């Protein structure tokens, strides 16, 4: 007879929220921030809840006031209190550990417990151009969230004949999605959400890029295309709208210098194609980087 093991309900919660572990778990210290990408990964993963702030103290004992959404999240959602330890990051590689010194109705005072760390970005710099302006529901949110988690350097809404616009309200929401995803995945460098761009504005970018891929049905598989290129850690990824690019648009993009690649035999949604292509090139880029000694 098999024995059924029932886990207490709080075990899963602890696994999902490592900052709930004992206070002895502190942010590890490392050598120079100019070290390799593995050090970036290590320095980005502390054991404390992390929040965004445009302004960070530069040294131990310095302070900054936290208000707005982050203040609400800290005190109303997580119910943090005075003397609780947290981390702040600025989306530009800055990271600092400190504690909550004081809380009032409108904000709280953060005091640094160490000097500011500056972590350099990873070397992979892939820029995504995706025609997702007409996606319904939360599909555009999901696309942008996963691009943030996977490490895209930027995402640009691409305006095409079959995806001609994106609302300003949608752009504001996507910026909030990016911030939330950066906090969740402990990314220290923000992913840029560029203004919507038409095909005409994309072509000069493709022409200047060392490597550009455009997802096209029935094109050669992306993996086969990658094997024919030498080491590149940056470039542009272009994904069309529901209904795909027009033939004229594809011709313009390829003539500008992009390589057409296929993503399998099935018709993919915009968000699926975007994440499939980004994941493939990110793993390819990572495999080209030298291992740390």
Protein backbone atom coordinates (compact mmCIF):
# COMPACT_ATOMS: atom_id res chain seq x y z
CA UNK A 1 0.00 0.00 0.00
CA UNK A 2 1.30 3.44 -0.90
CA UNK A 3 1.58 6.04 1.80
CA UNK A 4 0.01 9.42 1.11
CA UNK A 5 2.20 12.26 2.37
CA UNK A 6 0.37 15.51 3.03
CA UNK A 7 2.49 18.64 3.11
CA UNK A 8 1.46 21.47 5.42
CA UNK A 9 -0.05 24.33 3.41
CA UNK A 10 2.60 26.80 4.50
CA UNK A 11 5.47 24.81 2.98
CA UNK A 12 4.58 25.89 -0.55
CA UNK A 13 4.30 29.48 0.61
CA UNK A 14 7.81 29.38 2.06
CA UNK A 15 9.16 27.92 -1.17
CA UNK A 16 7.57 30.69 -3.20
CA UNK A 17 8.72 33.45 -0.86
CA UNK A 18 12.33 32.85 0.14
CA UNK A 19 12.39 36.12 2.11
CA UNK A 20 10.23 34.40 4.73
CA UNK A 21 13.24 32.33 5.77
CA UNK A 22 15.08 33.18 9.01
CA UNK A 23 16.60 36.62 9.32
CA UNK A 24 20.07 35.09 9.33
CA UNK A 25 19.78 34.75 5.55
CA UNK A 26 21.54 37.84 4.27
CA UNK A 27 22.51 39.14 0.87
CA UNK A 28 25.77 37.50 -0.07
CA UNK A 29 28.75 39.69 -0.88
CA UNK A 30 30.90 39.22 -3.94
CA UNK A 31 33.91 40.64 -5.65
CA UNK A 32 34.03 43.43 -8.20
CA UNK A 33 30.73 44.14 -10.01
CA UNK A 34 32.65 44.02 -13.28
CA UNK A 35 32.96 40.25 -12.96
CA UNK A 36 31.20 37.75 -15.22
CA UNK A 37 27.51 37.05 -15.73
CA UNK A 38 27.43 34.37 -13.02
CA UNK A 39 28.35 37.02 -10.47
CA UNK A 40 25.55 39.16 -11.88
CA UNK A 41 23.20 36.26 -11.23
CA UNK A 42 24.49 35.75 -7.71
CA UNK A 43 24.34 39.40 -6.73
CA UNK A 44 20.84 39.78 -8.09
CA UNK A 45 19.40 37.07 -5.84
CA UNK A 46 19.15 38.12 -2.25
CA UNK A 47 16.97 36.65 0.46
CA UNK A 48 15.01 39.82 1.20
CA UNK A 49 11.90 41.40 -0.33
CA UNK A 50 12.97 43.84 -3.04
CA UNK A 51 11.39 47.14 -4.08
CA UNK A 52 12.00 49.79 -6.71
CA UNK A 53 13.25 53.31 -6.00
CA UNK A 54 14.58 55.88 -8.48
CA UNK A 55 16.85 57.26 -5.76
CA UNK A 56 19.16 55.04 -3.68
CA UNK A 57 21.43 55.98 -0.77
CA UNK A 58 25.11 55.81 -1.75
CA UNK A 59 26.51 54.61 1.54
CA UNK A 60 25.72 52.93 4.83
CA UNK A 61 23.55 55.12 7.05
CA UNK A 62 22.04 57.04 4.14
CA UNK A 63 18.29 57.24 3.80
CA UNK A 64 15.52 57.61 1.26
CA UNK A 65 11.76 58.04 1.56
CA UNK A 66 9.47 55.48 -0.09
CA UNK A 67 5.96 56.48 -1.17
CA UNK A 68 3.30 55.50 -3.68
CA UNK A 69 2.79 51.97 -4.96
CA UNK A 70 5.95 50.58 -3.37
CA UNK A 71 4.97 52.00 0.02
CA UNK A 72 1.54 50.38 -0.33
CA UNK A 73 3.07 47.05 -1.32
CA UNK A 74 5.50 47.08 1.59
CA UNK A 75 3.07 48.03 4.32
CA UNK A 76 -0.40 46.97 3.16
CA UNK A 77 0.36 43.84 1.12
CA UNK A 78 3.41 42.40 2.86
CA UNK A 79 2.66 44.17 6.16
CA UNK A 80 6.29 45.02 6.80
CA UNK A 81 7.04 47.10 9.86
CA UNK A 82 9.82 49.17 11.38
CA UNK A 83 13.19 47.39 11.62
CA UNK A 84 12.26 44.90 8.89
CA UNK A 85 15.07 44.47 6.38
CA UNK A 86 14.48 44.98 2.65
CA UNK A 87 16.40 45.69 -0.55
CA UNK A 88 15.98 48.59 -2.95
CA UNK A 89 17.00 48.63 -6.62
CA UNK A 90 16.84 51.38 -9.24
CA UNK A 91 16.57 49.38 -12.48
CA UNK A 92 20.05 50.53 -13.56
CA UNK A 93 22.12 47.98 -11.66
CA UNK A 94 22.02 49.68 -8.27
CA UNK A 95 21.16 47.48 -5.27
CA UNK A 96 21.26 48.24 -1.57
CA UNK A 97 20.17 46.52 1.62
CA UNK A 98 18.63 48.39 4.52
CA UNK A 99 15.78 48.50 6.97
CA UNK A 100 12.57 50.40 7.55
CA UNK A 101 13.27 53.08 10.15
CA UNK A 102 9.93 54.84 10.39
CA UNK A 103 6.42 54.61 8.91
CA UNK A 104 3.72 57.27 8.70
CA UNK A 105 0.45 57.57 6.79
CA UNK A 106 2.06 58.72 3.54
CA UNK A 107 5.36 56.87 3.34
CA UNK A 108 8.26 55.28 5.12
CA UNK A 109 11.92 55.99 5.77
CA UNK A 110 14.50 53.49 4.49
CA UNK A 111 18.01 53.49 6.01
CA UNK A 112 20.91 51.71 4.31
CA UNK A 113 22.76 49.00 6.24
CA UNK A 114 25.58 48.80 3.69
CA UNK A 115 27.14 50.72 0.82
CA UNK A 116 25.47 50.78 -2.59
CA UNK A 117 26.35 47.94 -4.96
CA UNK A 118 26.52 48.58 -8.72
CA UNK A 119 26.17 45.47 -10.87
CA UNK A 120 27.01 45.64 -14.56
CA UNK A 121 24.46 44.24 -17.02
CA UNK A 122 24.77 40.86 -18.63
CA UNK A 123 26.36 40.88 -22.05
CA UNK A 124 23.34 39.55 -23.97
CA UNK A 125 21.40 42.44 -25.51
CA UNK A 126 18.42 41.23 -27.54
CA UNK A 127 15.82 43.75 -28.64
CA UNK A 128 12.29 42.51 -29.36
CA UNK A 129 9.99 44.15 -31.93
CA UNK A 130 6.57 42.49 -31.73
CA UNK A 131 3.22 43.50 -33.23
CA UNK A 132 1.08 42.91 -30.15
CA UNK A 133 -0.99 46.10 -30.08
CA UNK A 134 -4.24 44.34 -30.98
CA UNK A 135 -3.90 41.39 -28.59
CA UNK A 136 -6.93 40.91 -26.35
CA UNK A 137 -7.19 40.33 -22.62
CA UNK A 138 -3.93 39.83 -20.77
CA UNK A 139 -2.00 38.34 -23.67
CA UNK A 140 0.11 41.46 -24.25
CA UNK A 141 0.81 41.64 -20.51
CA UNK A 142 1.98 38.02 -20.59
CA UNK A 143 4.25 38.68 -23.57
CA UNK A 144 5.95 41.65 -21.91
CA UNK A 145 6.19 39.90 -18.54
CA UNK A 146 7.98 36.88 -20.03
CA UNK A 147 10.32 39.05 -22.11
CA UNK A 148 11.32 40.75 -18.86
CA UNK A 149 11.93 37.43 -17.10
CA UNK A 150 13.94 35.97 -19.99
CA UNK A 151 16.25 38.99 -20.13
CA UNK A 152 15.29 40.94 -23.25
CA UNK A 153 17.01 44.33 -23.32
CA UNK A 154 13.99 46.10 -24.78
CA UNK A 155 10.54 45.51 -26.21
CA UNK A 156 9.00 47.71 -28.90
CA UNK A 157 5.34 47.53 -29.99
CA UNK A 158 5.54 47.17 -33.76
CA UNK A 159 2.84 48.89 -35.82
CA UNK A 160 1.99 47.07 -39.04
CA UNK A 161 -0.78 46.98 -41.64
CA UNK A 162 -2.58 44.35 -39.53
CA UNK A 163 -1.71 45.81 -36.13
CA UNK A 164 -1.89 49.56 -36.73
CA UNK A 165 -2.12 50.98 -33.20
CA UNK A 166 -1.74 50.51 -29.46
CA UNK A 167 -3.52 52.61 -26.85
CA UNK A 168 -1.62 54.89 -24.49
CA UNK A 169 -3.44 53.29 -21.56
CA UNK A 170 -2.06 49.93 -22.65
CA UNK A 171 1.49 51.32 -22.74
CA UNK A 172 1.17 52.67 -19.17
CA UNK A 173 -0.08 49.30 -17.97
CA UNK A 174 2.76 47.45 -19.69
CA UNK A 175 5.30 49.61 -17.87
CA UNK A 176 3.76 48.53 -14.57
CA UNK A 177 3.87 44.91 -15.71
CA UNK A 178 7.58 45.25 -16.50
CA UNK A 179 8.35 46.66 -13.05
CA UNK A 180 6.40 43.91 -11.29
CA UNK A 181 8.12 41.23 -13.39
CA UNK A 182 11.57 42.71 -12.72
CA UNK A 183 10.92 42.56 -8.99
CA UNK A 184 9.59 39.02 -9.17
CA UNK A 185 12.52 37.63 -11.18
CA UNK A 186 15.04 39.79 -9.28
CA UNK A 187 16.29 41.51 -12.40
CA UNK A 188 18.48 44.52 -11.59
CA UNK A 189 18.44 46.20 -15.00
CA UNK A 190 15.09 47.33 -16.28
CA UNK A 191 13.78 46.22 -19.64
CA UNK A 192 13.02 49.26 -21.78
CA UNK A 193 9.56 49.63 -23.30
CA UNK A 194 10.13 51.75 -26.39
CA UNK A 195 7.48 53.92 -28.08
CA UNK A 196 5.45 52.15 -30.79
CA UNK A 197 7.37 51.97 -34.07
CA UNK A 198 6.18 51.55 -37.66
CA UNK A 199 7.90 49.28 -40.18
CA UNK A 200 9.58 52.32 -41.72
CA UNK A 201 11.19 53.16 -38.39
CA UNK A 202 12.30 49.55 -37.88
CA UNK A 203 14.23 49.25 -41.14
CA UNK A 204 17.20 51.52 -40.18
CA UNK A 205 17.51 49.60 -36.89
CA UNK A 206 17.69 46.30 -38.76
CA UNK A 207 20.24 47.74 -41.17
CA UNK A 208 22.53 48.75 -38.29
CA UNK A 209 22.08 45.54 -36.29
CA UNK A 210 24.74 42.85 -36.62
CA UNK A 211 22.09 40.15 -36.39
CA UNK A 212 18.34 40.32 -36.97
CA UNK A 213 15.76 37.56 -37.19
CA UNK A 214 12.20 37.88 -38.44
CA UNK A 215 9.71 35.07 -37.75
CA UNK A 216 8.22 33.93 -41.07
CA UNK A 217 6.00 30.92 -41.70
CA UNK A 218 7.69 28.11 -43.65
CA UNK A 219 11.14 29.69 -43.39
CA UNK A 220 14.17 27.60 -42.43
CA UNK A 221 14.12 26.54 -38.75
CA UNK A 222 15.70 29.07 -36.42
CA UNK A 223 18.16 26.55 -35.02
CA UNK A 224 19.51 25.82 -38.51
CA UNK A 225 19.92 29.55 -39.09
CA UNK A 226 21.82 30.02 -35.83
CA UNK A 227 24.40 27.35 -36.70
CA UNK A 228 25.48 29.41 -39.72
CA UNK A 229 26.25 32.55 -37.70
CA UNK A 230 29.35 33.40 -35.72
CA UNK A 231 29.20 34.48 -32.10
CA UNK A 232 26.82 37.36 -31.48
CA UNK A 233 25.44 38.45 -28.12
CA UNK A 234 23.02 41.08 -29.38
CA UNK A 235 20.56 41.75 -32.14
CA UNK A 236 16.91 42.27 -33.03
CA UNK A 237 13.99 39.86 -33.04
CA UNK A 238 10.95 40.72 -35.15
CA UNK A 239 7.53 39.10 -34.77
CA UNK A 240 4.47 40.00 -36.81
CA UNK A 241 0.82 40.43 -35.81
CA UNK A 242 -2.11 38.07 -35.84
CA UNK A 243 -2.56 37.39 -39.55
CA UNK A 244 1.21 37.82 -40.06
CA UNK A 245 3.09 40.48 -41.97
CA UNK A 246 2.06 41.38 -45.49
CA UNK A 247 4.37 40.14 -48.25
CA UNK A 248 5.52 43.70 -48.82
CA UNK A 249 6.45 44.12 -45.14
CA UNK A 250 8.41 40.86 -45.07
CA UNK A 251 10.29 41.85 -48.23
CA UNK A 252 11.18 45.25 -46.74
CA UNK A 253 12.46 43.71 -43.49
CA UNK A 254 14.55 41.05 -45.26
CA UNK A 255 16.01 43.58 -47.72
CA UNK A 256 17.05 45.71 -44.72
CA UNK A 257 19.19 42.80 -43.52
CA UNK A 258 17.02 40.49 -41.40
CA UNK A 259 17.14 36.69 -41.71
CA UNK A 260 13.80 34.89 -42.02
CA UNK A 261 13.44 32.01 -39.55
CA UNK A 262 10.72 29.46 -38.90
CA UNK A 263 9.37 28.34 -35.52
CA UNK A 264 7.90 24.97 -36.39
CA UNK A 265 5.02 23.57 -38.43
CA UNK A 266 2.17 25.07 -36.40
CA UNK A 267 0.58 28.49 -36.54
CA UNK A 268 1.66 30.30 -33.36
CA UNK A 269 0.05 33.17 -31.52
CA UNK A 270 2.04 36.40 -31.40
CA UNK A 271 3.04 35.93 -27.77
CA UNK A 272 3.99 32.29 -28.29
CA UNK A 273 6.18 33.10 -31.29
CA UNK A 274 7.84 35.96 -29.41
CA UNK A 275 8.78 33.85 -26.40
CA UNK A 276 9.84 30.88 -28.52
CA UNK A 277 12.21 33.00 -30.59
CA UNK A 278 13.56 34.96 -27.62
CA UNK A 279 14.16 31.82 -25.56
CA UNK A 280 16.03 30.17 -28.43
CA UNK A 281 18.41 33.05 -29.07
CA UNK A 282 18.95 33.72 -25.36
CA UNK A 283 19.99 30.10 -24.79
CA UNK A 284 22.18 30.27 -27.89
CA UNK A 285 23.83 33.48 -26.67
CA UNK A 286 24.41 32.00 -23.21
CA UNK A 287 26.05 28.92 -24.75
CA UNK A 288 28.55 31.17 -26.53
CA UNK A 289 29.74 32.89 -23.38
CA UNK A 290 32.92 31.55 -21.76
CA UNK A 291 32.50 29.60 -18.54
CA UNK A 292 33.68 31.26 -15.34
CA UNK A 293 36.86 29.99 -13.75
